[in-house]
Amino acid sequence: MPLGAMNYLFIALGALVIALSYTIMYFEKEVDGLFALDIAPFSLVGSYLWILFAIFWRGKKK
């Protein structure tokens, strides 16, 4: 299997943060709101980078 259990856990964590960020932006309902302009861009870019890290990460070999 190319990806281990830890990889899938990291990917799920990144996907959860992405879904949470979009959900908070939806409930804020403001284009110029604090979360939409200041917090969401960093959390979304960070989450996408985290998922890339999770795909390429390899654990220590035994």
PDB file of N, CA and C in Angstrom:
ATOM      1  N   MET A   1       0.851  -1.166   0.000  1.00  0.00           N
ATOM      2  CA  MET A   1       0.000   0.000   0.000  1.00  0.00           C
ATOM      3  C   MET A   1       0.905   1.240   0.000  1.00  0.00           C
ATOM      4  N   PRO A   2       0.696   2.153  -0.923  1.00  0.00           N
ATOM      5  CA  PRO A   2       1.589   3.309  -1.028  1.00  0.00           C
ATOM      6  C   PRO A   2       1.448   4.297   0.129  1.00  0.00           C
ATOM      7  N   LEU A   3       0.283   4.424   0.703  1.00  0.00           N
ATOM      8  CA  LEU A   3       0.085   5.336   1.821  1.00  0.00           C
ATOM      9  C   LEU A   3      -0.262   4.532   3.072  1.00  0.00           C
ATOM     10  N   GLY A   4       0.282   4.975   4.188  1.00  0.00           N
ATOM     11  CA  GLY A   4       0.020   4.296   5.450  1.00  0.00           C
ATOM     12  C   GLY A   4      -1.164   4.911   6.183  1.00  0.00           C
ATOM     13  N   ALA A   5      -1.431   4.381   7.332  1.00  0.00           N
ATOM     14  CA  ALA A   5      -2.553   4.866   8.139  1.00  0.00           C
ATOM     15  C   ALA A   5      -2.338   6.309   8.583  1.00  0.00           C
ATOM     16  N   MET A   6      -1.090   6.660   8.902  1.00  0.00           N
ATOM     17  CA  MET A   6      -0.792   8.022   9.325  1.00  0.00           C
ATOM     18  C   MET A   6      -1.029   9.008   8.184  1.00  0.00           C
ATOM     19  N   ASN A   7      -0.702   8.606   6.960  1.00  0.00           N
ATOM     20  CA  ASN A   7      -0.948   9.476   5.809  1.00  0.00           C
ATOM     21  C   ASN A   7      -2.433   9.780   5.670  1.00  0.00           C
ATOM     22  N   TYR A   8      -3.251   8.763   5.799  1.00  0.00           N
ATOM     23  CA  TYR A   8      -4.696   8.965   5.676  1.00  0.00           C
ATOM     24  C   TYR A   8      -5.247   9.816   6.818  1.00  0.00           C
ATOM     25  N   LEU A   9      -4.673   9.659   7.998  1.00  0.00           N
ATOM     26  CA  LEU A   9      -5.080  10.486   9.126  1.00  0.00           C
ATOM     27  C   LEU A   9      -4.731  11.954   8.880  1.00  0.00           C
ATOM     28  N   PHE A  10      -3.532  12.216   8.359  1.00  0.00           N
ATOM     29  CA  PHE A  10      -3.125  13.581   8.040  1.00  0.00           C
ATOM     30  C   PHE A  10      -4.010  14.180   6.941  1.00  0.00           C
ATOM     31  N   ILE A  11      -4.332  13.398   5.933  1.00  0.00           N
ATOM     32  CA  ILE A  11      -5.192  13.877   4.849  1.00  0.00           C
ATOM     33  C   ILE A  11      -6.587  14.201   5.382  1.00  0.00           C
ATOM     34  N   ALA A  12      -7.105  13.345   6.248  1.00  0.00           N
ATOM     35  CA  ALA A  12      -8.432  13.589   6.830  1.00  0.00           C
ATOM     36  C   ALA A  12      -8.426  14.852   7.689  1.00  0.00           C
ATOM     37  N   LEU A  13      -7.354  15.079   8.421  1.00  0.00           N
ATOM     38  CA  LEU A  13      -7.244  16.288   9.234  1.00  0.00           C
ATOM     39  C   LEU A  13      -7.229  17.535   8.355  1.00  0.00           C
ATOM     40  N   GLY A  14      -6.482  17.505   7.263  1.00  0.00           N
ATOM     41  CA  GLY A  14      -6.456  18.631   6.338  1.00  0.00           C
ATOM     42  C   GLY A  14      -7.812  18.876   5.696  1.00  0.00           C
ATOM     43  N   ALA A  15      -8.484  17.808   5.303  1.00  0.00           N
ATOM     44  CA  ALA A  15      -9.815  17.946   4.697  1.00  0.00           C
ATOM     45  C   ALA A  15     -10.826  18.494   5.698  1.00  0.00           C
ATOM     46  N   LEU A  16     -10.691  18.102   6.956  1.00  0.00           N
ATOM     47  CA  LEU A  16     -11.580  18.615   7.996  1.00  0.00           C
ATOM     48  C   LEU A  16     -11.389  20.115   8.193  1.00  0.00           C
ATOM     49  N   VAL A  17     -10.153  20.575   8.200  1.00  0.00           N
ATOM     50  CA  VAL A  17      -9.888  22.008   8.358  1.00  0.00           C
ATOM     51  C   VAL A  17     -10.399  22.783   7.153  1.00  0.00           C
ATOM     52  N   ILE A  18     -10.268  22.235   5.956  1.00  0.00           N
ATOM     53  CA  ILE A  18     -10.793  22.888   4.752  1.00  0.00           C
ATOM     54  C   ILE A  18     -12.311  22.999   4.830  1.00  0.00           C
ATOM     55  N   ALA A  19     -12.970  21.914   5.185  1.00  0.00           N
ATOM     56  CA  ALA A  19     -14.431  21.943   5.291  1.00  0.00           C
ATOM     57  C   ALA A  19     -14.889  22.905   6.375  1.00  0.00           C
ATOM     58  N   LEU A  20     -14.179  22.933   7.480  1.00  0.00           N
ATOM     59  CA  LEU A  20     -14.521  23.842   8.572  1.00  0.00           C
ATOM     60  C   LEU A  20     -14.327  25.300   8.157  1.00  0.00           C
ATOM     61  N   SER A  21     -13.275  25.587   7.424  1.00  0.00           N
ATOM     62  CA  SER A  21     -13.031  26.959   6.970  1.00  0.00           C
ATOM     63  C   SER A  21     -14.129  27.439   6.030  1.00  0.00           C
ATOM     64  N   TYR A  22     -14.498  26.597   5.070  1.00  0.00           N
ATOM     65  CA  TYR A  22     -15.572  26.982   4.157  1.00  0.00           C
ATOM     66  C   TYR A  22     -16.914  27.111   4.882  1.00  0.00           C
ATOM     67  N   THR A  23     -17.158  26.264   5.865  1.00  0.00           N
ATOM     68  CA  THR A  23     -18.403  26.334   6.626  1.00  0.00           C
ATOM     69  C   THR A  23     -18.480  27.626   7.440  1.00  0.00           C
ATOM     70  N   ILE A  24     -17.381  28.002   8.062  1.00  0.00           N
ATOM     71  CA  ILE A  24     -17.375  29.250   8.831  1.00  0.00           C
ATOM     72  C   ILE A  24     -17.571  30.448   7.906  1.00  0.00           C
ATOM     73  N   MET A  25     -16.967  30.417   6.730  1.00  0.00           N
ATOM     74  CA  MET A  25     -17.176  31.516   5.776  1.00  0.00           C
ATOM     75  C   MET A  25     -18.630  31.568   5.325  1.00  0.00           C
ATOM     76  N   TYR A  26     -19.258  30.411   5.173  1.00  0.00           N
ATOM     77  CA  TYR A  26     -20.661  30.382   4.764  1.00  0.00           C
ATOM     78  C   TYR A  26     -21.551  30.995   5.840  1.00  0.00           C
ATOM     79  N   PHE A  27     -21.296  30.649   7.088  1.00  0.00           N
ATOM     80  CA  PHE A  27     -22.128  31.170   8.169  1.00  0.00           C
ATOM     81  C   PHE A  27     -21.830  32.628   8.497  1.00  0.00           C
ATOM     82  N   GLU A  28     -20.660  33.112   8.131  1.00  0.00           N
ATOM     83  CA  GLU A  28     -20.336  34.516   8.364  1.00  0.00           C
ATOM     84  C   GLU A  28     -21.131  35.421   7.416  1.00  0.00           C
ATOM     85  N   LYS A  29     -21.359  34.952   6.193  1.00  0.00           N
ATOM     86  CA  LYS A  29     -22.177  35.635   5.183  1.00  0.00           C
ATOM     87  C   LYS A  29     -21.722  37.070   4.904  1.00  0.00           C
ATOM     88  N   GLU A  30     -20.437  37.340   5.019  1.00  0.00           N
ATOM     89  CA  GLU A  30     -19.888  38.634   4.659  1.00  0.00           C
ATOM     90  C   GLU A  30     -18.638  38.426   3.827  1.00  0.00           C
ATOM     91  N   VAL A  31     -18.583  39.125   2.701  1.00  0.00           N
ATOM     92  CA  VAL A  31     -17.404  39.022   1.853  1.00  0.00           C
ATOM     93  C   VAL A  31     -16.229  39.737   2.509  1.00  0.00           C
ATOM     94  N   ASP A  32     -16.515  40.823   3.205  1.00  0.00           N
ATOM     95  CA  ASP A  32     -15.468  41.605   3.859  1.00  0.00           C
ATOM     96  C   ASP A  32     -15.331  41.288   5.342  1.00  0.00           C
ATOM     97  N   GLY A  33     -15.764  40.129   5.754  1.00  0.00           N
ATOM     98  CA  GLY A  33     -15.717  39.764   7.167  1.00  0.00           C
ATOM     99  C   GLY A  33     -14.311  39.425   7.629  1.00  0.00           C
ATOM    100  N   LEU A  34     -14.146  39.364   8.928  1.00  0.00           N
ATOM    101  CA  LEU A  34     -12.845  39.078   9.529  1.00  0.00           C
ATOM    102  C   LEU A  34     -12.317  37.710   9.104  1.00  0.00           C
ATOM    103  N   PHE A  35     -13.149  36.698   9.192  1.00  0.00           N
ATOM    104  CA  PHE A  35     -12.676  35.346   8.867  1.00  0.00           C
ATOM    105  C   PHE A  35     -12.390  35.207   7.373  1.00  0.00           C
ATOM    106  N   ALA A  36     -13.269  35.768   6.536  1.00  0.00           N
ATOM    107  CA  ALA A  36     -13.109  35.612   5.092  1.00  0.00           C
ATOM    108  C   ALA A  36     -11.862  36.307   4.564  1.00  0.00           C
ATOM    109  N   LEU A  37     -11.489  37.420   5.162  1.00  0.00           N
ATOM    110  CA  LEU A  37     -10.341  38.178   4.659  1.00  0.00           C
ATOM    111  C   LEU A  37      -9.038  37.882   5.385  1.00  0.00           C
ATOM    112  N   ASP A  38      -9.099  37.587   6.660  1.00  0.00           N
ATOM    113  CA  ASP A  38      -7.871  37.491   7.442  1.00  0.00           C
ATOM    114  C   ASP A  38      -7.478  36.079   7.843  1.00  0.00           C
ATOM    115  N   ILE A  39      -8.421  35.238   8.136  1.00  0.00           N
ATOM    116  CA  ILE A  39      -8.099  33.921   8.686  1.00  0.00           C
ATOM    117  C   ILE A  39      -8.218  32.815   7.637  1.00  0.00           C
ATOM    118  N   ALA A  40      -9.272  32.842   6.854  1.00  0.00           N
ATOM    119  CA  ALA A  40      -9.544  31.754   5.905  1.00  0.00           C
ATOM    120  C   ALA A  40      -8.448  31.571   4.856  1.00  0.00           C
ATOM    121  N   PRO A  41      -7.886  32.624   4.279  1.00  0.00           N
ATOM    122  CA  PRO A  41      -6.834  32.372   3.279  1.00  0.00           C
ATOM    123  C   PRO A  41      -5.655  31.581   3.844  1.00  0.00           C
ATOM    124  N   PHE A  42      -5.240  31.913   5.054  1.00  0.00           N
ATOM    125  CA  PHE A  42      -4.114  31.200   5.659  1.00  0.00           C
ATOM    126  C   PHE A  42      -4.486  29.770   6.039  1.00  0.00           C
ATOM    127  N   SER A  43      -5.677  29.591   6.568  1.00  0.00           N
ATOM    128  CA  SER A  43      -6.077  28.231   6.950  1.00  0.00           C
ATOM    129  C   SER A  43      -6.286  27.348   5.727  1.00  0.00           C
ATOM    130  N   LEU A  44      -6.819  27.901   4.645  1.00  0.00           N
ATOM    131  CA  LEU A  44      -7.037  27.097   3.443  1.00  0.00           C
ATOM    132  C   LEU A  44      -5.726  26.742   2.748  1.00  0.00           C
ATOM    133  N   VAL A  45      -4.858  27.724   2.561  1.00  0.00           N
ATOM    134  CA  VAL A  45      -3.568  27.436   1.923  1.00  0.00           C
ATOM    135  C   VAL A  45      -2.759  26.475   2.791  1.00  0.00           C
ATOM    136  N   GLY A  46      -2.774  26.699   4.090  1.00  0.00           N
ATOM    137  CA  GLY A  46      -2.066  25.797   4.993  1.00  0.00           C
ATOM    138  C   GLY A  46      -2.615  24.380   4.942  1.00  0.00           C
ATOM    139  N   SER A  47      -3.920  24.251   4.825  1.00  0.00           N
ATOM    140  CA  SER A  47      -4.531  22.920   4.763  1.00  0.00           C
ATOM    141  C   SER A  47      -4.188  22.195   3.471  1.00  0.00           C
ATOM    142  N   TYR A  48      -4.205  22.932   2.360  1.00  0.00           N
ATOM    143  CA  TYR A  48      -3.827  22.303   1.088  1.00  0.00           C
ATOM    144  C   TYR A  48      -2.360  21.883   1.103  1.00  0.00           C
ATOM    145  N   LEU A  49      -1.500  22.702   1.678  1.00  0.00           N
ATOM    146  CA  LEU A  49      -0.097  22.322   1.807  1.00  0.00           C
ATOM    147  C   LEU A  49       0.077  21.143   2.759  1.00  0.00           C
ATOM    148  N   TRP A  50      -0.727  21.105   3.808  1.00  0.00           N
ATOM    149  CA  TRP A  50      -0.688  19.987   4.750  1.00  0.00           C
ATOM    150  C   TRP A  50      -1.063  18.675   4.058  1.00  0.00           C
ATOM    151  N   ILE A  51      -2.058  18.730   3.175  1.00  0.00           N
ATOM    152  CA  ILE A  51      -2.455  17.519   2.448  1.00  0.00           C
ATOM    153  C   ILE A  51      -1.343  17.065   1.510  1.00  0.00           C
ATOM    154  N   LEU A  52      -0.665  18.009   0.852  1.00  0.00           N
ATOM    155  CA  LEU A  52       0.483  17.625   0.022  1.00  0.00           C
ATOM    156  C   LEU A  52       1.580  16.986   0.873  1.00  0.00           C
ATOM    157  N   PHE A  53       1.835  17.568   2.038  1.00  0.00           N
ATOM    158  CA  PHE A  53       2.805  16.983   2.955  1.00  0.00           C
ATOM    159  C   PHE A  53       2.378  15.570   3.355  1.00  0.00           C
ATOM    160  N   ALA A  54       1.100  15.384   3.616  1.00  0.00           N
ATOM    161  CA  ALA A  54       0.596  14.077   4.047  1.00  0.00           C
ATOM    162  C   ALA A  54       0.749  13.032   2.954  1.00  0.00           C
ATOM    163  N   ILE A  55       0.619  13.439   1.715  1.00  0.00           N
ATOM    164  CA  ILE A  55       0.765  12.483   0.617  1.00  0.00           C
ATOM    165  C   ILE A  55       2.215  12.038   0.467  1.00  0.00           C
ATOM    166  N   PHE A  56       3.151  12.975   0.615  1.00  0.00           N
ATOM    167  CA  PHE A  56       4.557  12.652   0.386  1.00  0.00           C
ATOM    168  C   PHE A  56       5.297  12.178   1.627  1.00  0.00           C
ATOM    169  N   TRP A  57       4.677  12.266   2.807  1.00  0.00           N
ATOM    170  CA  TRP A  57       5.348  11.899   4.051  1.00  0.00           C
ATOM    171  C   TRP A  57       5.523  10.389   4.162  1.00  0.00           C
ATOM    172  N   ARG A  58       6.701  10.004   4.558  1.00  0.00           N
ATOM    173  CA  ARG A  58       6.986   8.595   4.824  1.00  0.00           C
ATOM    174  C   ARG A  58       7.479   8.479   6.253  1.00  0.00           C
ATOM    175  N   GLY A  59       6.953   7.527   6.967  1.00  0.00           N
ATOM    176  CA  GLY A  59       7.354   7.321   8.349  1.00  0.00           C
ATOM    177  C   GLY A  59       8.749   6.727   8.419  1.00  0.00           C
ATOM    178  N   LYS A  60       9.259   6.645   9.624  1.00  0.00           N
ATOM    179  CA  LYS A  60      10.579   6.053   9.819  1.00  0.00           C
ATOM    180  C   LYS A  60      10.515   4.549   9.553  1.00  0.00           C
ATOM    181  N   LYS A  61      11.514   4.078   8.864  1.00  0.00           N
ATOM    182  CA  LYS A  61      11.577   2.652   8.575  1.00  0.00           C
ATOM    183  C   LYS A  61      12.092   1.900   9.795  1.00  0.00           C
ATOM    184  N   LYS A  62      11.578   0.704   9.984  1.00  0.00           N
ATOM    185  CA  LYS A  62      11.991  -0.131  11.119  1.00  0.00           C
ATOM    186  C   LYS A  62      13.252  -0.872  10.799  1.00  0.00           C
TER     187      LYS A  62
END
